[in-house]
Amino acid sequence: MTLELDLNCDLGEGCAHDAALMPLITTANVACGFHAGGPAEARAALVLAKKHGVRAGAHPGFPDREHFGRRELDRSEEQILQDCIYQIGALVGLARAVEIPLSHVKAHGALYNLAMRDDRFARPVIAAAELFGLPVLGLPDSRVELLCNGRVGFIAEGYADRRYRPGGTLVPRSEPGAFVESPAEAVEQAMRLLRVGRIRTLCVHGDNPHAVEFVRHVRSALLAQGVSIKAASA
């Protein structure tokens, strides 16, 4: 059986690598402005995605630009729902102007991590995605996957540049050993996740200083091992 894998990056965050990364990936998670980026950066990312035939999705996060959306905030379900609807809705408008459809929702940073393990954060993310008729990216065997069932599509995601705990959650960035340091290790992890972890899309963070090197190496190695690089749909 041919193995297929989608390559995704978090883009539109005002980082330096969007133009170099876009031709190498199949899915872009476009920042919606709360944690980073803004209308100009989001539109530029959408234009690049359309040019290169890359799927584009909404990447909403906590309203916390100071910490790049990576600080856990104690917000109510209603606040999170409003945050997500506002952000996804804004990107829907920009995407319509660029004439590219949105393909999914992927929460960012601390909101993503909390949603994977806590229903109070998962529910509003899923409700916002359902409102716009979009599937959700997330970790397999997470609360998001369970709660998506019967409501919206779910696409299982893995990470090439982050290390995992034995239970399948990501090692927090604040802890030693949270990051994969070499492209070769990223490839090994990608193949392991693909074969045993049910993932359908693989992420390299766009703000990673070595993101372009990582994606090029991972993409080349996967193709050499017979993996088809192809956008995933729910």
Protein backbone atom coordinates (compact mmCIF):
# COMPACT_ATOMS: atom_id res chain seq x y z
CA MET A 1 0.00 0.00 0.00
CA THR A 2 1.31 3.46 -0.92
CA LEU A 3 1.89 5.69 2.07
CA GLU A 4 0.58 9.24 1.73
CA LEU A 5 1.43 12.22 3.89
CA ASP A 6 0.46 15.87 3.90
CA LEU A 7 3.13 18.44 4.88
CA ASN A 8 1.87 21.48 6.76
CA CYS A 9 3.42 24.64 8.17
CA ASP A 10 2.12 27.45 10.37
CA LEU A 11 2.56 30.56 8.21
CA GLY A 12 1.43 34.18 7.99
CA GLU A 13 3.02 34.85 11.39
CA GLY A 14 5.40 37.53 10.18
CA CYS A 15 8.37 35.15 10.03
CA ALA A 16 10.97 35.15 7.29
CA HIS A 17 10.41 31.81 5.55
CA ASP A 18 6.88 31.84 4.10
CA ALA A 19 7.92 32.33 0.47
CA ALA A 20 10.59 29.61 0.67
CA LEU A 21 8.37 27.13 2.51
CA MET A 22 5.19 27.41 0.47
CA PRO A 23 6.46 25.54 -2.64
CA LEU A 24 7.61 22.65 -0.41
CA ILE A 25 4.38 21.98 1.49
CA THR A 26 0.82 20.93 0.71
CA THR A 27 -1.06 22.71 3.53
CA ALA A 28 -0.62 26.11 5.18
CA ASN A 29 -2.10 27.04 8.56
CA VAL A 30 -2.52 30.80 8.24
CA ALA A 31 -2.30 32.87 11.42
CA CYS A 32 -5.45 34.87 12.11
CA GLY A 33 -3.81 37.81 13.88
CA PHE A 34 -4.41 37.16 17.59
CA HIS A 35 -1.06 35.51 18.37
CA ALA A 36 0.97 36.88 15.44
CA GLY A 37 0.66 38.35 11.98
CA GLY A 38 -2.23 40.48 10.79
CA PRO A 39 -4.33 41.20 7.69
CA ALA A 40 -1.34 41.94 5.45
CA GLU A 41 0.60 38.84 6.50
CA ALA A 42 -2.48 36.62 6.25
CA ARG A 43 -3.37 37.89 2.79
CA ALA A 44 0.20 37.47 1.59
CA ALA A 45 0.22 33.86 2.82
CA LEU A 46 -3.10 33.16 1.11
CA VAL A 47 -1.82 34.63 -2.16
CA LEU A 48 1.28 32.41 -1.94
CA ALA A 49 -0.86 29.37 -1.15
CA LYS A 50 -3.05 29.97 -4.17
CA LYS A 51 -0.01 30.49 -6.41
CA HIS A 52 1.54 27.17 -5.37
CA GLY A 53 -1.64 25.10 -5.16
CA VAL A 54 -1.35 24.73 -1.38
CA ARG A 55 -4.42 24.23 0.81
CA ALA A 56 -4.96 27.01 3.36
CA GLY A 57 -6.63 26.77 6.74
CA ALA A 58 -7.31 29.05 9.70
CA HIS A 59 -4.83 29.05 12.59
CA PRO A 60 -6.57 30.79 15.53
CA GLY A 61 -4.87 31.25 18.88
CA PHE A 62 -5.13 33.01 22.21
CA PRO A 63 -5.05 36.85 22.17
CA ASP A 64 -1.48 36.94 23.46
CA ARG A 65 0.96 38.43 20.98
CA GLU A 66 3.52 39.09 23.72
CA HIS A 67 4.03 35.35 24.20
CA PHE A 68 3.25 34.30 20.59
CA GLY A 69 0.10 32.52 21.81
CA ARG A 70 2.14 29.95 23.71
CA ARG A 71 1.10 30.92 27.23
CA GLU A 72 -1.85 29.02 28.68
CA LEU A 73 -4.72 31.43 29.44
CA ASP A 74 -7.71 30.72 31.65
CA ARG A 75 -10.47 31.81 29.28
CA SER A 76 -14.09 30.65 29.41
CA GLU A 77 -15.61 28.45 26.72
CA GLU A 78 -17.67 31.41 25.54
CA GLN A 79 -14.59 33.61 25.25
CA ILE A 80 -12.71 30.94 23.31
CA LEU A 81 -15.67 30.40 21.00
CA GLN A 82 -15.91 34.13 20.31
CA ASP A 83 -12.14 34.35 19.76
CA CYS A 84 -12.20 31.48 17.26
CA ILE A 85 -15.27 32.65 15.36
CA TYR A 86 -13.81 36.14 15.07
CA GLN A 87 -10.46 34.88 13.81
CA ILE A 88 -11.76 32.24 11.41
CA GLY A 89 -14.37 34.65 10.08
CA ALA A 90 -11.71 37.26 9.34
CA LEU A 91 -9.63 34.72 7.42
CA VAL A 92 -12.71 33.53 5.53
CA GLY A 93 -13.17 37.10 4.29
CA LEU A 94 -9.54 37.46 3.24
CA ALA A 95 -9.61 34.07 1.53
CA ARG A 96 -12.75 35.03 -0.37
CA ALA A 97 -11.03 38.18 -1.59
CA VAL A 98 -8.06 36.11 -2.80
CA GLU A 99 -10.42 33.48 -4.24
CA ILE A 100 -9.03 30.51 -2.36
CA PRO A 101 -11.23 28.26 -0.18
CA LEU A 102 -10.33 27.50 3.40
CA SER A 103 -9.79 23.80 4.03
CA HIS A 104 -9.54 23.36 7.82
CA VAL A 105 -9.00 24.81 11.28
CA LYS A 106 -5.90 24.19 13.39
CA ALA A 107 -5.63 25.86 16.78
CA HIS A 108 -2.31 27.46 17.64
CA GLY A 109 0.14 27.02 20.50
CA ALA A 110 -1.30 26.89 24.00
CA LEU A 111 -4.87 26.74 22.70
CA TYR A 112 -3.95 23.68 20.61
CA ASN A 113 -2.24 21.91 23.51
CA LEU A 114 -5.07 22.62 25.95
CA ALA A 115 -7.72 21.53 23.46
CA MET A 116 -5.97 18.21 22.95
CA ARG A 117 -6.36 17.28 26.61
CA ASP A 118 -9.24 19.36 28.02
CA ASP A 119 -12.85 19.33 26.78
CA ARG A 120 -13.38 22.89 28.00
CA PHE A 121 -10.95 24.10 25.34
CA ALA A 122 -11.71 21.47 22.70
CA ARG A 123 -15.46 22.15 22.59
CA PRO A 124 -15.32 25.82 21.50
CA VAL A 125 -12.62 25.16 18.88
CA ILE A 126 -14.76 22.41 17.37
CA ALA A 127 -17.94 24.49 17.61
CA ALA A 128 -16.28 27.33 15.69
CA ALA A 129 -15.00 24.94 13.02
CA GLU A 130 -18.47 23.41 12.73
CA LEU A 131 -20.00 26.85 12.22
CA PHE A 132 -17.82 27.33 9.14
CA GLY A 133 -18.12 23.70 7.99
CA LEU A 134 -14.39 23.00 8.33
CA PRO A 135 -12.52 19.94 9.61
CA VAL A 136 -10.04 20.20 12.49
CA LEU A 137 -6.37 19.21 12.67
CA GLY A 138 -5.15 17.68 15.92
CA LEU A 139 -3.23 14.95 17.69
CA PRO A 140 -4.56 11.40 17.31
CA ASP A 141 -6.27 9.93 20.38
CA SER A 142 -6.84 13.44 21.75
CA ARG A 143 -10.00 14.97 23.20
CA VAL A 144 -10.36 16.92 19.95
CA GLU A 145 -10.47 13.74 17.90
CA LEU A 146 -13.08 12.22 20.20
CA LEU A 147 -15.31 15.31 20.27
CA CYS A 148 -15.09 15.89 16.51
CA ASN A 149 -16.79 12.55 15.94
CA GLY A 150 -20.18 13.07 14.29
CA ARG A 151 -19.77 16.86 14.12
CA VAL A 152 -16.84 17.81 11.90
CA GLY A 153 -14.06 16.00 10.09
CA PHE A 154 -10.79 15.30 11.87
CA ILE A 155 -7.29 15.06 10.37
CA ALA A 156 -4.65 13.41 12.58
CA GLU A 157 -1.44 15.43 12.83
CA GLY A 158 2.13 14.68 13.83
CA TYR A 159 5.19 16.88 14.33
CA ALA A 160 8.60 16.58 12.73
CA ASP A 161 10.32 19.21 14.88
CA ARG A 162 8.89 18.46 18.34
CA ARG A 163 9.53 15.50 20.64
CA TYR A 164 6.80 13.39 22.20
CA ARG A 165 6.04 12.03 25.62
CA PRO A 166 5.33 8.29 25.91
CA GLY A 167 1.56 8.95 26.00
CA GLY A 168 1.60 10.71 22.63
CA THR A 169 1.45 14.32 23.84
CA LEU A 170 4.12 16.86 22.94
CA VAL A 171 6.96 17.65 25.33
CA PRO A 172 6.27 21.23 26.53
CA ARG A 173 8.57 23.85 25.06
CA SER A 174 9.63 24.84 28.57
CA GLU A 175 11.16 21.42 29.22
CA PRO A 176 14.57 20.14 28.04
CA GLY A 177 14.47 18.01 24.92
CA ALA A 178 11.29 19.55 23.53
CA PHE A 179 12.76 20.11 20.07
CA VAL A 180 14.05 17.81 17.38
CA GLU A 181 17.46 19.20 16.51
CA SER A 182 18.45 17.49 13.25
CA PRO A 183 16.70 16.92 9.91
CA ALA A 184 17.73 13.25 10.02
CA GLU A 185 15.96 12.77 13.35
CA ALA A 186 12.92 14.59 11.96
CA VAL A 187 12.74 12.10 9.09
CA GLU A 188 13.01 9.12 11.47
CA GLN A 189 10.23 10.54 13.60
CA ALA A 190 8.04 11.25 10.57
CA MET A 191 8.32 7.69 9.32
CA ARG A 192 7.62 6.25 12.76
CA LEU A 193 4.54 8.42 13.20
CA LEU A 194 3.30 7.61 9.73
CA ARG A 195 3.61 3.86 10.20
CA VAL A 196 2.37 3.48 13.78
CA GLY A 197 0.68 6.73 14.74
CA ARG A 198 -2.09 7.01 12.12
CA ILE A 199 -1.06 10.53 11.19
CA ARG A 200 -2.13 11.99 7.86
CA THR A 201 -0.40 15.36 8.06
CA LEU A 202 3.04 16.33 9.38
CA CYS A 203 3.90 19.78 10.73
CA VAL A 204 7.12 21.75 10.77
CA HIS A 205 6.71 25.08 12.56
CA GLY A 206 7.21 28.04 10.25
CA ASP A 207 8.93 30.06 12.98
CA ASN A 208 11.58 27.36 13.41
CA PRO A 209 14.87 29.03 12.31
CA HIS A 210 15.72 25.82 10.44
CA ALA A 211 12.24 25.30 8.98
CA VAL A 212 13.26 25.43 5.32
CA GLU A 213 16.13 22.98 5.83
CA PHE A 214 13.87 20.65 7.82
CA VAL A 215 11.05 20.65 5.27
CA ARG A 216 13.40 20.16 2.31
CA HIS A 217 15.16 17.27 4.02
CA VAL A 218 11.97 15.63 5.27
CA ARG A 219 10.22 16.00 1.94
CA SER A 220 13.17 14.58 -0.01
CA ALA A 221 13.65 11.66 2.36
CA LEU A 222 9.95 10.77 2.40
CA LEU A 223 9.77 10.78 -1.38
CA ALA A 224 12.89 8.62 -1.54
CA GLN A 225 11.18 6.11 0.74
CA GLY A 226 8.13 5.92 -1.50
CA VAL A 227 5.85 8.21 0.46
CA SER A 228 3.49 10.28 -1.68
CA ILE A 229 3.32 13.93 -0.55
CA LYS A 230 -0.34 14.79 -0.90
CA ALA A 231 -2.85 17.09 0.83
CA ALA A 232 -5.07 15.29 3.33
CA SER A 233 -8.83 15.74 3.45
CA ALA A 234 -11.23 14.74 6.22
